[in-house]
Amino acid sequence: MNSSQDYLDEVAAENPDIVFYPEYTPALLGLSYMFGEEPRLVYDYDGVIAIIMKDSDMTMDEALDYFEFNVMGTYAGKATPCFMKKRLPEGVPGSTLAFY
């Protein structure tokens, strides 16, 4: 695979209804697979918020509000992307495990 566009073309072949947010490409982690569901894109939760803060000159609180209402709060069917926090909070079992 030579580019992010090649990857997205491959993803679209698996699920033509997939929803892609081009402005958040740097926070794209990959695909999620779940029994009985179509594949959907997975974005880094904190990465998307950082992009919103940078691109829109928002504070953390403003970016969180925007993200929760306008991005995560948007439902576009079963192909709506999901957002993953890459680290567990301290004190949660497994929070010291390395992520690969």
C-alpha atoms as a PDB file:
ATOM      1  CA  MET A   1       0.000   0.000   0.000  1.00  0.00           C
ATOM      2  CA  ASN A   2       1.516   3.288  -1.084  1.00  0.00           C
ATOM      3  CA  SER A   3      -0.688   5.947   0.445  1.00  0.00           C
ATOM      4  CA  SER A   4      -3.581   6.709   2.729  1.00  0.00           C
ATOM      5  CA  GLN A   5      -5.743   6.934  -0.415  1.00  0.00           C
ATOM      6  CA  ASP A   6      -4.830   3.344  -1.327  1.00  0.00           C
ATOM      7  CA  TYR A   7      -5.838   2.284   2.170  1.00  0.00           C
ATOM      8  CA  LEU A   8      -9.138   4.150   1.948  1.00  0.00           C
ATOM      9  CA  ASP A   9      -9.855   2.608  -1.459  1.00  0.00           C
ATOM     10  CA  GLU A  10      -9.298  -0.832   0.061  1.00  0.00           C
ATOM     11  CA  VAL A  11     -11.591   0.038   2.982  1.00  0.00           C
ATOM     12  CA  ALA A  12     -14.299   1.306   0.619  1.00  0.00           C
ATOM     13  CA  ALA A  13     -14.123  -1.992  -1.261  1.00  0.00           C
ATOM     14  CA  GLU A  14     -14.955  -3.797   2.005  1.00  0.00           C
ATOM     15  CA  ASN A  15     -17.730  -1.393   2.973  1.00  0.00           C
ATOM     16  CA  PRO A  16     -18.858   1.099   0.305  1.00  0.00           C
ATOM     17  CA  ASP A  17     -21.003   2.955   2.861  1.00  0.00           C
ATOM     18  CA  ILE A  18     -18.089   3.706   5.172  1.00  0.00           C
ATOM     19  CA  VAL A  19     -17.961   7.243   6.567  1.00  0.00           C
ATOM     20  CA  PHE A  20     -14.593   8.981   6.323  1.00  0.00           C
ATOM     21  CA  TYR A  21     -13.597  12.296   7.924  1.00  0.00           C
ATOM     22  CA  PRO A  22     -10.765  13.595   5.690  1.00  0.00           C
ATOM     23  CA  GLU A  23      -9.895  16.415   8.094  1.00  0.00           C
ATOM     24  CA  TYR A  24      -9.035  13.825  10.773  1.00  0.00           C
ATOM     25  CA  THR A  25      -6.860  11.543   8.599  1.00  0.00           C
ATOM     26  CA  PRO A  26      -3.809  12.038  10.874  1.00  0.00           C
ATOM     27  CA  ALA A  27      -5.852  10.495  13.722  1.00  0.00           C
ATOM     28  CA  LEU A  28      -7.029   7.483  11.703  1.00  0.00           C
ATOM     29  CA  LEU A  29      -6.054   4.244  13.465  1.00  0.00           C
ATOM     30  CA  GLY A  30      -7.601   1.599  11.217  1.00  0.00           C
ATOM     31  CA  LEU A  31     -10.724  -0.518  10.967  1.00  0.00           C
ATOM     32  CA  SER A  32     -12.897  -2.187  13.577  1.00  0.00           C
ATOM     33  CA  TYR A  33     -14.488  -5.541  12.962  1.00  0.00           C
ATOM     34  CA  MET A  34     -17.388  -6.906  14.953  1.00  0.00           C
ATOM     35  CA  PHE A  35     -19.502  -9.979  14.357  1.00  0.00           C
ATOM     36  CA  GLY A  36     -22.639  -9.115  12.392  1.00  0.00           C
ATOM     37  CA  GLU A  37     -21.456  -5.583  11.604  1.00  0.00           C
ATOM     38  CA  GLU A  38     -19.806  -3.956   8.629  1.00  0.00           C
ATOM     39  CA  PRO A  39     -16.233  -2.706   9.111  1.00  0.00           C
ATOM     40  CA  ARG A  40     -15.958   0.899  10.240  1.00  0.00           C
ATOM     41  CA  LEU A  41     -13.096   3.337  10.591  1.00  0.00           C
ATOM     42  CA  VAL A  42     -11.528   3.919  13.991  1.00  0.00           C
ATOM     43  CA  TYR A  43     -10.071   7.294  14.927  1.00  0.00           C
ATOM     44  CA  ASP A  44      -7.908   8.233  17.905  1.00  0.00           C
ATOM     45  CA  TYR A  45     -10.241  10.096  20.281  1.00  0.00           C
ATOM     46  CA  ASP A  46      -7.539  12.378  21.666  1.00  0.00           C
ATOM     47  CA  GLY A  47      -5.961  12.836  18.236  1.00  0.00           C
ATOM     48  CA  VAL A  48      -9.202  14.165  16.757  1.00  0.00           C
ATOM     49  CA  ILE A  49      -9.612  16.595  19.664  1.00  0.00           C
ATOM     50  CA  ALA A  50      -6.022  17.801  19.176  1.00  0.00           C
ATOM     51  CA  ILE A  51      -6.714  18.399  15.468  1.00  0.00           C
ATOM     52  CA  ILE A  52      -9.875  20.348  16.298  1.00  0.00           C
ATOM     53  CA  MET A  53      -7.954  22.483  18.815  1.00  0.00           C
ATOM     54  CA  LYS A  54      -5.169  23.211  16.326  1.00  0.00           C
ATOM     55  CA  ASP A  55      -7.314  23.834  13.244  1.00  0.00           C
ATOM     56  CA  SER A  56     -10.029  25.844  14.994  1.00  0.00           C
ATOM     57  CA  ASP A  57      -7.944  27.616  17.649  1.00  0.00           C
ATOM     58  CA  MET A  58     -10.198  26.212  20.397  1.00  0.00           C
ATOM     59  CA  THR A  59      -9.483  25.509  24.029  1.00  0.00           C
ATOM     60  CA  MET A  60      -9.636  21.901  25.238  1.00  0.00           C
ATOM     61  CA  ASP A  61     -13.133  22.435  26.662  1.00  0.00           C
ATOM     62  CA  GLU A  62     -14.385  24.062  23.445  1.00  0.00           C
ATOM     63  CA  ALA A  63     -12.876  21.289  21.331  1.00  0.00           C
ATOM     64  CA  LEU A  64     -14.404  18.591  23.565  1.00  0.00           C
ATOM     65  CA  ASP A  65     -17.835  20.205  23.305  1.00  0.00           C
ATOM     66  CA  TYR A  66     -17.487  20.495  19.528  1.00  0.00           C
ATOM     67  CA  PHE A  67     -16.231  16.923  19.189  1.00  0.00           C
ATOM     68  CA  GLU A  68     -18.922  15.364  21.372  1.00  0.00           C
ATOM     69  CA  PHE A  69     -21.779  17.169  19.634  1.00  0.00           C
ATOM     70  CA  ASN A  70     -20.634  17.560  16.015  1.00  0.00           C
ATOM     71  CA  VAL A  71     -18.330  14.600  15.447  1.00  0.00           C
ATOM     72  CA  MET A  72     -18.940  11.768  17.898  1.00  0.00           C
ATOM     73  CA  GLY A  73     -22.582  12.773  18.236  1.00  0.00           C
ATOM     74  CA  THR A  74     -23.253  12.394  14.513  1.00  0.00           C
ATOM     75  CA  TYR A  75     -24.858   9.118  13.485  1.00  0.00           C
ATOM     76  CA  ALA A  76     -24.564   8.251   9.805  1.00  0.00           C
ATOM     77  CA  GLY A  77     -25.769   4.667   9.962  1.00  0.00           C
ATOM     78  CA  LYS A  78     -23.890   1.454  10.683  1.00  0.00           C
ATOM     79  CA  ALA A  79     -20.803   2.795   8.906  1.00  0.00           C
ATOM     80  CA  THR A  80     -20.376   5.704  11.334  1.00  0.00           C
ATOM     81  CA  PRO A  81     -16.768   5.780  12.588  1.00  0.00           C
ATOM     82  CA  CYS A  82     -15.896   4.962  16.162  1.00  0.00           C
ATOM     83  CA  PHE A  83     -13.354   6.671  18.406  1.00  0.00           C
ATOM     84  CA  MET A  84     -10.865   4.942  20.660  1.00  0.00           C
ATOM     85  CA  LYS A  85      -8.929   6.195  23.637  1.00  0.00           C
ATOM     86  CA  LYS A  86      -5.543   4.563  23.315  1.00  0.00           C
ATOM     87  CA  ARG A  87      -4.702   4.447  27.006  1.00  0.00           C
ATOM     88  CA  LEU A  88      -6.628   3.292  30.031  1.00  0.00           C
ATOM     89  CA  PRO A  89      -6.782   5.613  33.053  1.00  0.00           C
ATOM     90  CA  GLU A  90      -4.295   4.874  35.841  1.00  0.00           C
ATOM     91  CA  GLY A  91      -5.579   2.347  38.337  1.00  0.00           C
ATOM     92  CA  VAL A  92      -7.655   0.424  35.784  1.00  0.00           C
ATOM     93  CA  PRO A  93      -6.477  -3.190  35.451  1.00  0.00           C
ATOM     94  CA  GLY A  94      -4.288  -3.442  32.356  1.00  0.00           C
ATOM     95  CA  SER A  95      -3.479   0.285  32.322  1.00  0.00           C
ATOM     96  CA  THR A  96       0.229  -0.457  32.581  1.00  0.00           C
ATOM     97  CA  LEU A  97       0.214  -2.746  29.534  1.00  0.00           C
ATOM     98  CA  ALA A  98       2.101  -1.520  26.497  1.00  0.00           C
ATOM     99  CA  PHE A  99       0.082  -0.761  23.381  1.00  0.00           C
ATOM    100  CA  TYR A 100       1.612  -1.920  20.118  1.00  0.00           C
END
